[in-house]
Amino acid sequence: MTATTRWDPAIHVAGLTKTYRSRDREVRALDGIDLEVRPGAVLGLLGPNGAGKSTTVKILATLSEPDAGTARVAGYDVVTQAASVRRAIGYVAQKPVTDPMDTGRENIVLAGRMQGLSSRDAKARAAQLLDRFGLTEAADRLVKTYSGGMARKLDVAVGLVHRPRVLFLDEPTTGLDPEARTEMWAEIARLGADGVTILLTTHYLDEADRLADDLAIVDRGRIVTRGTPDELKDQLHGDGVVVELADAASVARAADVATAVPGVREVVPDGRGLRARATSGATALPALLVALEGAGVSVRSAVLSRPSLDDVYLRHTGRSMAAAERDGVAGAGVAA
């Protein structure tokens, strides 16, 4: 098959499944993933650790094979045309890919040579990328002396050395301090503006909201909803209500009370409190607090908010992102 035309999806996935097996258990990491990404878009895969995001990326990057389903990247089948896929993509894994005992420049030049660039072209490309990512002054220092943010920028630079059409960024800002994270966000936004198709996995709600043109929320190996961040939030009419209780043992009773309050809906226990939605928060919250007090339930705090991606996640999965992270959803540690 010929390379992708501008009218073809940059990524097309249908019915992707993957199961990991060990001696004592079996984990269904992917359970029928369907995806289509238009060229030049930034697609965010949002979900907790263990939801199946990294497994999806590894299959699309030809590092793992699916048990069932099909996937094409840049027009090529990830199983039968894996070599062509690898030439068309850049892949930035969660863990560092650079050699800490080489300099930043040496790492990029080596990556360029491995991608088939001549020595001259690899050196020129390294200089270009070092300048783009603000690493020129540190170019000839050993990578082991780099800060976390600098090392992560270098990882992305290595992934871009051959000018890929599709770039996979797997949790690119995990572990970065706020300043480095903001700088990485700016680089990702610039890559998207340059027309690179990006698939970004993240468990950070603000990151998905900020960077993704389109968003797919992943839970237990399935995509539970998809749309732009604004579209997904707009589907949640009314206000979010978060109530923290003084006594965690009162959560079940508080949920029963809240469900009976007019205007309060979608009540879900969350840790030591409740999350709910209200058509009119200004009316429903006072009524809810009165009802809880009448039932002998002590409230520590109560907050109203406009719809967020955490509310979207709660609507489609029945728990908040924080709760999903705590629970170790979908066998975290076996499949990411």
C-alpha atoms as a PDB file:
ATOM      1  CA  MET A   1       0.000   0.000   0.000  1.00  0.00           C
ATOM      2  CA  THR A   2       1.187   3.513  -0.767  1.00  0.00           C
ATOM      3  CA  ALA A   3       1.825   6.134   1.882  1.00  0.00           C
ATOM      4  CA  THR A   4      -0.987   8.072   3.476  1.00  0.00           C
ATOM      5  CA  THR A   5      -2.656  10.837   1.475  1.00  0.00           C
ATOM      6  CA  ARG A   6      -3.737  14.020   3.153  1.00  0.00           C
ATOM      7  CA  TRP A   7      -7.298  12.714   3.291  1.00  0.00           C
ATOM      8  CA  ASP A   8      -6.417   9.489   5.119  1.00  0.00           C
ATOM      9  CA  PRO A   9      -6.387   9.219   8.917  1.00  0.00           C
ATOM     10  CA  ALA A  10      -2.911   9.408  10.381  1.00  0.00           C
ATOM     11  CA  ILE A  11      -3.912   6.694  12.862  1.00  0.00           C
ATOM     12  CA  HIS A  12      -6.730   4.185  12.402  1.00  0.00           C
ATOM     13  CA  VAL A  13      -7.473   1.523  15.021  1.00  0.00           C
ATOM     14  CA  ALA A  14     -10.314  -0.999  15.029  1.00  0.00           C
ATOM     15  CA  GLY A  15     -11.147  -3.558  17.721  1.00  0.00           C
ATOM     16  CA  LEU A  16      -7.714  -3.610  19.314  1.00  0.00           C
ATOM     17  CA  THR A  17      -7.412  -6.128  22.154  1.00  0.00           C
ATOM     18  CA  LYS A  18      -4.487  -7.260  24.269  1.00  0.00           C
ATOM     19  CA  THR A  19      -4.295  -9.621  27.235  1.00  0.00           C
ATOM     20  CA  TYR A  20      -1.287 -10.105  29.496  1.00  0.00           C
ATOM     21  CA  ARG A  21      -0.948 -13.455  31.232  1.00  0.00           C
ATOM     22  CA  SER A  22       1.112 -14.610  34.149  1.00  0.00           C
ATOM     23  CA  ARG A  23       1.061 -17.771  36.229  1.00  0.00           C
ATOM     24  CA  ASP A  24      -1.663 -16.647  38.579  1.00  0.00           C
ATOM     25  CA  ARG A  25      -3.707 -14.097  36.661  1.00  0.00           C
ATOM     26  CA  GLU A  26      -4.816 -12.668  33.360  1.00  0.00           C
ATOM     27  CA  VAL A  27      -5.186  -8.942  32.668  1.00  0.00           C
ATOM     28  CA  ARG A  28      -7.224  -7.629  29.752  1.00  0.00           C
ATOM     29  CA  ALA A  29      -5.216  -4.485  29.027  1.00  0.00           C
ATOM     30  CA  LEU A  30      -7.181  -3.531  25.886  1.00  0.00           C
ATOM     31  CA  ASP A  31     -10.770  -4.561  25.314  1.00  0.00           C
ATOM     32  CA  GLY A  32     -11.752  -3.445  21.829  1.00  0.00           C
ATOM     33  CA  ILE A  33     -10.150  -0.026  21.260  1.00  0.00           C
ATOM     34  CA  ASP A  34     -11.361   1.990  18.238  1.00  0.00           C
ATOM     35  CA  LEU A  35      -9.582   5.198  17.236  1.00  0.00           C
ATOM     36  CA  GLU A  36      -9.185   7.492  14.268  1.00  0.00           C
ATOM     37  CA  VAL A  37      -6.862  10.503  14.305  1.00  0.00           C
ATOM     38  CA  ARG A  38      -6.800  13.104  11.556  1.00  0.00           C
ATOM     39  CA  PRO A  39      -3.429  14.310  10.251  1.00  0.00           C
ATOM     40  CA  GLY A  40      -1.979  17.205  12.221  1.00  0.00           C
ATOM     41  CA  ALA A  41      -4.221  16.714  15.258  1.00  0.00           C
ATOM     42  CA  VAL A  42      -3.184  16.258  18.876  1.00  0.00           C
ATOM     43  CA  LEU A  43      -5.158  13.348  20.313  1.00  0.00           C
ATOM     44  CA  GLY A  44      -5.043  12.898  24.061  1.00  0.00           C
ATOM     45  CA  LEU A  45      -5.559   9.494  25.659  1.00  0.00           C
ATOM     46  CA  LEU A  46      -6.647  10.353  29.199  1.00  0.00           C
ATOM     47  CA  GLY A  47      -6.913   7.778  31.947  1.00  0.00           C
ATOM     48  CA  PRO A  48      -5.351   6.531  35.186  1.00  0.00           C
ATOM     49  CA  ASN A  49      -2.269   4.371  35.346  1.00  0.00           C
ATOM     50  CA  GLY A  50      -3.253   0.886  34.242  1.00  0.00           C
ATOM     51  CA  ALA A  51      -6.100   2.000  31.955  1.00  0.00           C
ATOM     52  CA  GLY A  52      -4.431   0.716  28.778  1.00  0.00           C
ATOM     53  CA  LYS A  53      -2.937   3.923  27.356  1.00  0.00           C
ATOM     54  CA  SER A  54       0.675   2.804  27.161  1.00  0.00           C
ATOM     55  CA  THR A  55      -0.312  -0.606  25.832  1.00  0.00           C
ATOM     56  CA  THR A  56      -2.135   1.126  22.987  1.00  0.00           C
ATOM     57  CA  VAL A  57       0.904   3.255  22.175  1.00  0.00           C
ATOM     58  CA  LYS A  58       3.288   0.291  22.298  1.00  0.00           C
ATOM     59  CA  ILE A  59       1.161  -1.557  19.748  1.00  0.00           C
ATOM     60  CA  LEU A  60       0.921   1.487  17.486  1.00  0.00           C
ATOM     61  CA  ALA A  61       4.696   1.956  17.744  1.00  0.00           C
ATOM     62  CA  THR A  62       5.238  -1.744  16.792  1.00  0.00           C
ATOM     63  CA  LEU A  63       6.760  -2.601  20.182  1.00  0.00           C
ATOM     64  CA  SER A  64       3.980  -5.087  20.923  1.00  0.00           C
ATOM     65  CA  GLU A  65       1.448  -7.014  18.842  1.00  0.00           C
ATOM     66  CA  PRO A  66      -2.292  -7.073  19.496  1.00  0.00           C
ATOM     67  CA  ASP A  67      -4.198 -10.262  20.179  1.00  0.00           C
ATOM     68  CA  ALA A  68      -6.954  -9.086  17.853  1.00  0.00           C
ATOM     69  CA  GLY A  69      -7.976  -6.036  15.865  1.00  0.00           C
ATOM     70  CA  THR A  70      -6.158  -3.916  13.319  1.00  0.00           C
ATOM     71  CA  ALA A  71      -4.149  -0.706  13.420  1.00  0.00           C
ATOM     72  CA  ARG A  72      -2.628   1.487  10.741  1.00  0.00           C
ATOM     73  CA  VAL A  73      -0.249   4.369  11.346  1.00  0.00           C
ATOM     74  CA  ALA A  74       0.682   6.778   8.528  1.00  0.00           C
ATOM     75  CA  GLY A  75      -1.077   4.363   6.187  1.00  0.00           C
ATOM     76  CA  TYR A  76       0.880   1.272   7.225  1.00  0.00           C
ATOM     77  CA  ASP A  77      -0.282  -1.822   9.095  1.00  0.00           C
ATOM     78  CA  VAL A  78       1.518  -2.037  12.447  1.00  0.00           C
ATOM     79  CA  VAL A  79       1.939  -5.808  12.203  1.00  0.00           C
ATOM     80  CA  THR A  80       2.574  -6.564   8.533  1.00  0.00           C
ATOM     81  CA  GLN A  81       4.362  -3.292   7.672  1.00  0.00           C
ATOM     82  CA  ALA A  82       6.135  -2.624  10.955  1.00  0.00           C
ATOM     83  CA  ALA A  83       9.376  -1.382   9.357  1.00  0.00           C
ATOM     84  CA  SER A  84       7.486   1.260   7.376  1.00  0.00           C
ATOM     85  CA  VAL A  85       5.633   2.346  10.509  1.00  0.00           C
ATOM     86  CA  ARG A  86       8.903   2.799  12.385  1.00  0.00           C
ATOM     87  CA  ARG A  87      10.292   5.047   9.655  1.00  0.00           C
ATOM     88  CA  ALA A  88       7.180   7.234   9.822  1.00  0.00           C
ATOM     89  CA  ILE A  89       6.894   7.680  13.593  1.00  0.00           C
ATOM     90  CA  GLY A  90       8.702   9.141  16.560  1.00  0.00           C
ATOM     91  CA  TYR A  91       8.250   7.481  19.942  1.00  0.00           C
ATOM     92  CA  VAL A  92       9.004   9.050  23.321  1.00  0.00           C
ATOM     93  CA  ALA A  93       8.533   6.446  26.033  1.00  0.00           C
ATOM     94  CA  GLN A  94       7.824   7.082  29.710  1.00  0.00           C
ATOM     95  CA  LYS A  95      11.367   6.121  30.652  1.00  0.00           C
ATOM     96  CA  PRO A  96      14.443   7.983  29.332  1.00  0.00           C
ATOM     97  CA  VAL A  97      15.843   6.710  26.043  1.00  0.00           C
ATOM     98  CA  THR A  98      19.084   8.682  26.020  1.00  0.00           C
ATOM     99  CA  ASP A  99      22.480   7.505  27.255  1.00  0.00           C
ATOM    100  CA  PRO A 100      23.396   9.468  30.404  1.00  0.00           C
ATOM    101  CA  MET A 101      27.107   8.924  29.736  1.00  0.00           C
ATOM    102  CA  ASP A 102      26.958  10.633  26.326  1.00  0.00           C
ATOM    103  CA  THR A 103      26.403  14.319  25.659  1.00  0.00           C
ATOM    104  CA  GLY A 104      23.110  15.686  24.425  1.00  0.00           C
ATOM    105  CA  ARG A 105      24.615  16.297  21.003  1.00  0.00           C
ATOM    106  CA  GLU A 106      26.028  12.770  20.796  1.00  0.00           C
ATOM    107  CA  ASN A 107      22.647  11.261  21.660  1.00  0.00           C
ATOM    108  CA  ILE A 108      20.855  13.139  18.883  1.00  0.00           C
ATOM    109  CA  VAL A 109      23.572  12.473  16.306  1.00  0.00           C
ATOM    110  CA  LEU A 110      23.509   8.760  17.121  1.00  0.00           C
ATOM    111  CA  ALA A 111      19.719   8.687  16.788  1.00  0.00           C
ATOM    112  CA  GLY A 112      19.995  10.423  13.423  1.00  0.00           C
ATOM    113  CA  ARG A 113      22.567   7.944  12.170  1.00  0.00           C
ATOM    114  CA  MET A 114      20.359   5.066  13.286  1.00  0.00           C
ATOM    115  CA  GLN A 115      17.540   6.614  11.265  1.00  0.00           C
ATOM    116  CA  GLY A 116      19.713   6.627   8.140  1.00  0.00           C
ATOM    117  CA  LEU A 117      20.976  10.220   8.129  1.00  0.00           C
ATOM    118  CA  SER A 118      24.497  10.893   6.906  1.00  0.00           C
ATOM    119  CA  SER A 119      27.029  12.054   9.485  1.00  0.00           C
ATOM    120  CA  ARG A 120      26.813  15.599   8.144  1.00  0.00           C
ATOM    121  CA  ASP A 121      23.004  15.649   8.136  1.00  0.00           C
ATOM    122  CA  ALA A 122      22.798  14.089  11.605  1.00  0.00           C
ATOM    123  CA  LYS A 123      25.097  16.785  13.037  1.00  0.00           C
ATOM    124  CA  ALA A 124      23.126  19.545  11.328  1.00  0.00           C
ATOM    125  CA  ARG A 125      19.837  18.133  12.565  1.00  0.00           C
ATOM    126  CA  ALA A 126      21.249  17.816  16.101  1.00  0.00           C
ATOM    127  CA  ALA A 127      22.272  21.477  16.095  1.00  0.00           C
ATOM    128  CA  GLN A 128      18.805  22.460  14.880  1.00  0.00           C
ATOM    129  CA  LEU A 129      16.998  20.460  17.553  1.00  0.00           C
ATOM    130  CA  LEU A 130      19.305  21.548  20.358  1.00  0.00           C
ATOM    131  CA  ASP A 131      18.543  25.143  19.448  1.00  0.00           C
ATOM    132  CA  ARG A 132      14.810  24.525  19.181  1.00  0.00           C
ATOM    133  CA  PHE A 133      14.622  22.950  22.639  1.00  0.00           C
ATOM    134  CA  GLY A 134      16.898  25.501  24.301  1.00  0.00           C
ATOM    135  CA  LEU A 135      19.674  22.965  24.905  1.00  0.00           C
ATOM    136  CA  THR A 136      22.497  24.499  22.872  1.00  0.00           C
ATOM    137  CA  GLU A 137      24.483  25.654  25.920  1.00  0.00           C
ATOM    138  CA  ALA A 138      24.220  22.170  27.444  1.00  0.00           C
ATOM    139  CA  ALA A 139      24.786  20.323  24.155  1.00  0.00           C
ATOM    140  CA  ASP A 140      28.268  19.071  25.043  1.00  0.00           C
ATOM    141  CA  ARG A 141      27.563  18.182  28.658  1.00  0.00           C
ATOM    142  CA  LEU A 142      26.898  14.609  29.734  1.00  0.00           C
ATOM    143  CA  VAL A 143      23.175  13.910  29.944  1.00  0.00           C
ATOM    144  CA  LYS A 144      23.598  12.685  33.529  1.00  0.00           C
ATOM    145  CA  THR A 145      24.171  16.341  34.493  1.00  0.00           C
ATOM    146  CA  TYR A 146      20.859  17.485  32.952  1.00  0.00           C
ATOM    147  CA  SER A 147      17.824  18.454  35.012  1.00  0.00           C
ATOM    148  CA  GLY A 148      14.678  16.371  34.619  1.00  0.00           C
ATOM    149  CA  GLY A 149      13.120  18.932  32.291  1.00  0.00           C
ATOM    150  CA  MET A 150      16.235  19.158  30.111  1.00  0.00           C
ATOM    151  CA  ALA A 151      16.498  15.374  29.858  1.00  0.00           C
ATOM    152  CA  ARG A 152      12.848  15.114  28.845  1.00  0.00           C
ATOM    153  CA  LYS A 153      13.304  17.751  26.143  1.00  0.00           C
ATOM    154  CA  LEU A 154      16.261  15.752  24.847  1.00  0.00           C
ATOM    155  CA  ASP A 155      14.089  12.619  24.698  1.00  0.00           C
ATOM    156  CA  VAL A 156      11.585  14.486  22.520  1.00  0.00           C
ATOM    157  CA  ALA A 157      14.374  15.867  20.341  1.00  0.00           C
ATOM    158  CA  VAL A 158      15.650  12.328  19.744  1.00  0.00           C
ATOM    159  CA  GLY A 159      12.125  11.281  18.761  1.00  0.00           C
ATOM    160  CA  LEU A 160      11.982  14.098  16.191  1.00  0.00           C
ATOM    161  CA  VAL A 161      15.405  13.629  14.613  1.00  0.00           C
ATOM    162  CA  HIS A 162      14.058  12.029  11.400  1.00  0.00           C
ATOM    163  CA  ARG A 163      11.083  14.426  11.069  1.00  0.00           C
ATOM    164  CA  PRO A 164       8.355  11.852  11.772  1.00  0.00           C
ATOM    165  CA  ARG A 165       4.826  12.285  10.486  1.00  0.00           C
ATOM    166  CA  VAL A 166       3.336  10.862  13.682  1.00  0.00           C
ATOM    167  CA  LEU A 167       4.745  11.358  17.193  1.00  0.00           C
ATOM    168  CA  PHE A 168       3.819   9.253  20.217  1.00  0.00           C
ATOM    169  CA  LEU A 169       4.356  10.934  23.589  1.00  0.00           C
ATOM    170  CA  ASP A 170       3.769   8.530  26.477  1.00  0.00           C
ATOM    171  CA  GLU A 171       3.231  10.501  29.721  1.00  0.00           C
ATOM    172  CA  PRO A 172       5.768  13.147  28.626  1.00  0.00           C
ATOM    173  CA  THR A 173       5.582  15.347  31.743  1.00  0.00           C
ATOM    174  CA  THR A 174       5.431  12.775  34.539  1.00  0.00           C
ATOM    175  CA  GLY A 175       7.851  13.719  37.301  1.00  0.00           C
ATOM    176  CA  LEU A 176       8.633  17.192  35.955  1.00  0.00           C
ATOM    177  CA  ASP A 177       8.491  20.269  38.150  1.00  0.00           C
ATOM    178  CA  PRO A 178       5.845  22.903  37.268  1.00  0.00           C
ATOM    179  CA  GLU A 179       8.236  25.112  35.296  1.00  0.00           C
ATOM    180  CA  ALA A 180       9.616  22.235  33.224  1.00  0.00           C
ATOM    181  CA  ARG A 181       6.095  20.937  32.686  1.00  0.00           C
ATOM    182  CA  THR A 182       4.936  24.309  31.364  1.00  0.00           C
ATOM    183  CA  GLU A 183       7.915  24.439  28.992  1.00  0.00           C
ATOM    184  CA  MET A 184       7.114  20.953  27.698  1.00  0.00           C
ATOM    185  CA  TRP A 185       3.498  21.973  27.137  1.00  0.00           C
ATOM    186  CA  ALA A 186       4.707  24.863  25.002  1.00  0.00           C
ATOM    187  CA  GLU A 187       6.867  22.536  22.900  1.00  0.00           C
ATOM    188  CA  ILE A 188       4.032  20.068  22.363  1.00  0.00           C
ATOM    189  CA  ALA A 189       1.682  22.883  21.329  1.00  0.00           C
ATOM    190  CA  ARG A 190       4.282  24.133  18.880  1.00  0.00           C
ATOM    191  CA  LEU A 191       4.726  20.661  17.375  1.00  0.00           C
ATOM    192  CA  GLY A 192       0.988  20.432  16.866  1.00  0.00           C
ATOM    193  CA  ALA A 193       0.967  23.849  15.221  1.00  0.00           C
ATOM    194  CA  ASP A 194       3.735  22.629  12.887  1.00  0.00           C
ATOM    195  CA  GLY A 195       1.411  19.902  11.593  1.00  0.00           C
ATOM    196  CA  VAL A 196       2.878  16.871  13.366  1.00  0.00           C
ATOM    197  CA  THR A 197       0.203  14.337  14.306  1.00  0.00           C
ATOM    198  CA  ILE A 198       0.586  13.655  18.026  1.00  0.00           C
ATOM    199  CA  LEU A 199      -0.864  10.934  20.227  1.00  0.00           C
ATOM    200  CA  LEU A 200      -0.350  12.011  23.817  1.00  0.00           C
ATOM    201  CA  THR A 201      -1.053   9.769  26.793  1.00  0.00           C
ATOM    202  CA  THR A 202      -1.597  11.443  30.148  1.00  0.00           C
ATOM    203  CA  HIS A 203      -3.287  11.065  33.507  1.00  0.00           C
ATOM    204  CA  TYR A 204      -3.118  14.817  34.147  1.00  0.00           C
ATOM    205  CA  LEU A 205      -6.521  16.445  33.659  1.00  0.00           C
ATOM    206  CA  ASP A 206      -5.119  19.932  33.094  1.00  0.00           C
ATOM    207  CA  GLU A 207      -2.623  18.631  30.539  1.00  0.00           C
ATOM    208  CA  ALA A 208      -5.346  16.944  28.495  1.00  0.00           C
ATOM    209  CA  ASP A 209      -7.537  20.041  28.708  1.00  0.00           C
ATOM    210  CA  ARG A 210      -4.707  22.326  27.620  1.00  0.00           C
ATOM    211  CA  LEU A 211      -3.106  20.329  24.788  1.00  0.00           C
ATOM    212  CA  ALA A 212      -5.597  17.975  23.159  1.00  0.00           C
ATOM    213  CA  ASP A 213      -7.549  18.945  20.038  1.00  0.00           C
ATOM    214  CA  ASP A 214      -9.491  15.743  20.574  1.00  0.00           C
ATOM    215  CA  LEU A 215      -9.711  13.585  23.688  1.00  0.00           C
ATOM    216  CA  ALA A 216     -10.420   9.908  24.269  1.00  0.00           C
ATOM    217  CA  ILE A 217     -11.025   8.865  27.873  1.00  0.00           C
ATOM    218  CA  VAL A 218      -9.745   5.353  28.560  1.00  0.00           C
ATOM    219  CA  ASP A 219     -10.948   3.137  31.400  1.00  0.00           C
ATOM    220  CA  ARG A 220     -10.203  -0.563  31.932  1.00  0.00           C
ATOM    221  CA  GLY A 221      -8.973  -1.025  28.392  1.00  0.00           C
ATOM    222  CA  ARG A 222     -11.914   0.668  26.688  1.00  0.00           C
ATOM    223  CA  ILE A 223     -12.610   4.126  25.321  1.00  0.00           C
ATOM    224  CA  VAL A 224     -15.646   5.290  27.263  1.00  0.00           C
ATOM    225  CA  THR A 225     -16.154   8.658  25.562  1.00  0.00           C
ATOM    226  CA  ARG A 226     -14.523  10.904  23.017  1.00  0.00           C
ATOM    227  CA  GLY A 227     -14.701  14.524  21.845  1.00  0.00           C
ATOM    228  CA  THR A 228     -12.963  17.842  22.259  1.00  0.00           C
ATOM    229  CA  PRO A 229     -12.383  18.821  25.896  1.00  0.00           C
ATOM    230  CA  ASP A 230     -15.006  21.556  25.608  1.00  0.00           C
ATOM    231  CA  GLU A 231     -17.544  19.230  23.983  1.00  0.00           C
ATOM    232  CA  LEU A 232     -17.145  16.665  26.737  1.00  0.00           C
ATOM    233  CA  LYS A 233     -17.523  19.257  29.497  1.00  0.00           C
ATOM    234  CA  ASP A 234     -20.499  20.893  27.799  1.00  0.00           C
ATOM    235  CA  GLN A 235     -22.373  17.571  27.922  1.00  0.00           C
ATOM    236  CA  LEU A 236     -22.515  17.940  31.709  1.00  0.00           C
ATOM    237  CA  HIS A 237     -25.259  20.442  32.359  1.00  0.00           C
ATOM    238  CA  GLY A 238     -25.330  22.271  35.688  1.00  0.00           C
ATOM    239  CA  ASP A 239     -22.751  22.464  38.463  1.00  0.00           C
ATOM    240  CA  GLY A 240     -20.445  20.009  40.161  1.00  0.00           C
ATOM    241  CA  VAL A 241     -20.874  19.489  43.905  1.00  0.00           C
ATOM    242  CA  VAL A 242     -18.088  18.125  46.099  1.00  0.00           C
ATOM    243  CA  VAL A 243     -18.790  17.506  49.777  1.00  0.00           C
ATOM    244  CA  GLU A 244     -16.119  16.402  52.241  1.00  0.00           C
ATOM    245  CA  LEU A 245     -17.440  14.729  55.382  1.00  0.00           C
ATOM    246  CA  ALA A 246     -16.005  14.900  58.867  1.00  0.00           C
ATOM    247  CA  ASP A 247     -16.427  11.150  59.300  1.00  0.00           C
ATOM    248  CA  ALA A 248     -15.597   8.730  56.464  1.00  0.00           C
ATOM    249  CA  ALA A 249     -17.942   6.161  58.010  1.00  0.00           C
ATOM    250  CA  SER A 250     -20.871   8.428  57.122  1.00  0.00           C
ATOM    251  CA  VAL A 251     -20.323   8.308  53.347  1.00  0.00           C
ATOM    252  CA  ALA A 252     -22.941   5.652  52.554  1.00  0.00           C
ATOM    253  CA  ARG A 253     -25.595   7.367  54.673  1.00  0.00           C
ATOM    254  CA  ALA A 254     -24.731  10.747  53.181  1.00  0.00           C
ATOM    255  CA  ALA A 255     -25.117   9.327  49.668  1.00  0.00           C
ATOM    256  CA  ASP A 256     -28.608   8.081  50.483  1.00  0.00           C
ATOM    257  CA  VAL A 257     -29.542  11.484  51.876  1.00  0.00           C
ATOM    258  CA  ALA A 258     -28.116  13.368  48.888  1.00  0.00           C
ATOM    259  CA  THR A 259     -29.945  11.193  46.370  1.00  0.00           C
ATOM    260  CA  ALA A 260     -33.263  12.270  47.884  1.00  0.00           C
ATOM    261  CA  VAL A 261     -32.525  16.029  47.657  1.00  0.00           C
ATOM    262  CA  PRO A 262     -34.388  17.703  44.752  1.00  0.00           C
ATOM    263  CA  GLY A 263     -32.058  18.963  42.041  1.00  0.00           C
ATOM    264  CA  VAL A 264     -29.146  16.750  43.115  1.00  0.00           C
ATOM    265  CA  ARG A 265     -28.248  13.876  40.778  1.00  0.00           C
ATOM    266  CA  GLU A 266     -25.427  11.490  39.860  1.00  0.00           C
ATOM    267  CA  VAL A 267     -24.361  11.082  43.486  1.00  0.00           C
ATOM    268  CA  VAL A 268     -21.144   9.077  43.811  1.00  0.00           C
ATOM    269  CA  PRO A 269     -19.188   8.316  47.015  1.00  0.00           C
ATOM    270  CA  ASP A 270     -15.586   9.475  46.625  1.00  0.00           C
ATOM    271  CA  GLY A 271     -13.067   8.796  49.370  1.00  0.00           C
ATOM    272  CA  ARG A 272     -14.373  10.437  52.529  1.00  0.00           C
ATOM    273  CA  GLY A 273     -17.011  12.480  50.730  1.00  0.00           C
ATOM    274  CA  LEU A 274     -19.459  12.764  47.863  1.00  0.00           C
ATOM    275  CA  ARG A 275     -19.437  14.063  44.331  1.00  0.00           C
ATOM    276  CA  ALA A 276     -22.658  14.963  42.545  1.00  0.00           C
ATOM    277  CA  ARG A 277     -24.186  17.198  39.920  1.00  0.00           C
ATOM    278  CA  ALA A 278     -26.873  19.815  40.430  1.00  0.00           C
ATOM    279  CA  THR A 279     -29.034  21.630  37.899  1.00  0.00           C
ATOM    280  CA  SER A 280     -28.659  24.790  39.993  1.00  0.00           C
ATOM    281  CA  GLY A 281     -25.855  24.539  42.503  1.00  0.00           C
ATOM    282  CA  ALA A 282     -26.818  27.769  44.246  1.00  0.00           C
ATOM    283  CA  THR A 283     -30.210  26.254  45.103  1.00  0.00           C
ATOM    284  CA  ALA A 284     -29.299  22.607  45.569  1.00  0.00           C
ATOM    285  CA  LEU A 285     -26.227  22.992  47.783  1.00  0.00           C
ATOM    286  CA  PRO A 286     -27.990  24.760  50.690  1.00  0.00           C
ATOM    287  CA  ALA A 287     -30.768  22.159  50.544  1.00  0.00           C
ATOM    288  CA  LEU A 288     -28.206  19.361  50.537  1.00  0.00           C
ATOM    289  CA  LEU A 289     -26.367  20.778  53.555  1.00  0.00           C
ATOM    290  CA  VAL A 290     -29.639  21.148  55.486  1.00  0.00           C
ATOM    291  CA  ALA A 291     -30.591  17.545  54.652  1.00  0.00           C
ATOM    292  CA  LEU A 292     -27.205  16.212  55.749  1.00  0.00           C
ATOM    293  CA  GLU A 293     -27.345  18.154  58.996  1.00  0.00           C
ATOM    294  CA  GLY A 294     -30.828  16.823  59.655  1.00  0.00           C
ATOM    295  CA  ALA A 295     -29.545  13.287  59.161  1.00  0.00           C
ATOM    296  CA  GLY A 296     -26.732  13.836  61.637  1.00  0.00           C
ATOM    297  CA  VAL A 297     -23.991  13.845  59.006  1.00  0.00           C
ATOM    298  CA  SER A 298     -21.206  16.342  59.732  1.00  0.00           C
ATOM    299  CA  VAL A 299     -19.795  18.214  56.751  1.00  0.00           C
ATOM    300  CA  ARG A 300     -16.224  19.511  56.710  1.00  0.00           C
ATOM    301  CA  SER A 301     -16.404  21.433  53.425  1.00  0.00           C
ATOM    302  CA  ALA A 302     -18.587  21.860  50.351  1.00  0.00           C
ATOM    303  CA  VAL A 303     -17.602  23.254  46.954  1.00  0.00           C
ATOM    304  CA  LEU A 304     -19.450  24.162  43.756  1.00  0.00           C
ATOM    305  CA  SER A 305     -17.635  24.102  40.417  1.00  0.00           C
ATOM    306  CA  ARG A 306     -18.243  24.330  36.702  1.00  0.00           C
ATOM    307  CA  PRO A 307     -17.900  21.035  34.762  1.00  0.00           C
ATOM    308  CA  SER A 308     -14.349  19.689  34.509  1.00  0.00           C
ATOM    309  CA  LEU A 309     -12.724  16.712  32.813  1.00  0.00           C
ATOM    310  CA  ASP A 310     -12.722  14.974  36.193  1.00  0.00           C
ATOM    311  CA  ASP A 311     -16.515  15.342  36.180  1.00  0.00           C
ATOM    312  CA  VAL A 312     -16.566  13.855  32.678  1.00  0.00           C
ATOM    313  CA  TYR A 313     -14.468  10.924  33.859  1.00  0.00           C
ATOM    314  CA  LEU A 314     -16.773  10.466  36.850  1.00  0.00           C
ATOM    315  CA  ARG A 315     -19.868  10.503  34.641  1.00  0.00           C
ATOM    316  CA  HIS A 316     -18.575   7.764  32.348  1.00  0.00           C
ATOM    317  CA  THR A 317     -16.727   5.520  34.823  1.00  0.00           C
ATOM    318  CA  GLY A 318     -18.511   6.017  38.152  1.00  0.00           C
ATOM    319  CA  ARG A 319     -15.440   7.284  40.016  1.00  0.00           C
ATOM    320  CA  SER A 320     -13.067  10.226  39.962  1.00  0.00           C
ATOM    321  CA  MET A 321      -9.629  10.059  38.387  1.00  0.00           C
ATOM    322  CA  ALA A 322      -8.015  10.262  41.829  1.00  0.00           C
ATOM    323  CA  ALA A 323     -10.081   7.315  43.046  1.00  0.00           C
ATOM    324  CA  ALA A 324      -9.143   5.324  39.954  1.00  0.00           C
ATOM    325  CA  GLU A 325      -5.469   6.017  40.584  1.00  0.00           C
ATOM    326  CA  ARG A 326      -5.814   4.889  44.201  1.00  0.00           C
ATOM    327  CA  ASP A 327      -7.589   1.712  43.239  1.00  0.00           C
ATOM    328  CA  GLY A 328      -4.903   0.648  40.789  1.00  0.00           C
ATOM    329  CA  VAL A 329      -7.378   0.164  37.956  1.00  0.00           C
ATOM    330  CA  ALA A 330      -6.992  -2.592  35.386  1.00  0.00           C
ATOM    331  CA  GLY A 331      -4.063  -4.338  36.974  1.00  0.00           C
ATOM    332  CA  ALA A 332      -1.641  -1.433  37.141  1.00  0.00           C
ATOM    333  CA  GLY A 333       1.913  -2.733  37.232  1.00  0.00           C
ATOM    334  CA  VAL A 334       1.090  -5.494  34.757  1.00  0.00           C
ATOM    335  CA  ALA A 335      -0.250  -3.330  31.969  1.00  0.00           C
ATOM    336  CA  ALA A 336      -0.142   0.411  31.618  1.00  0.00           C
END
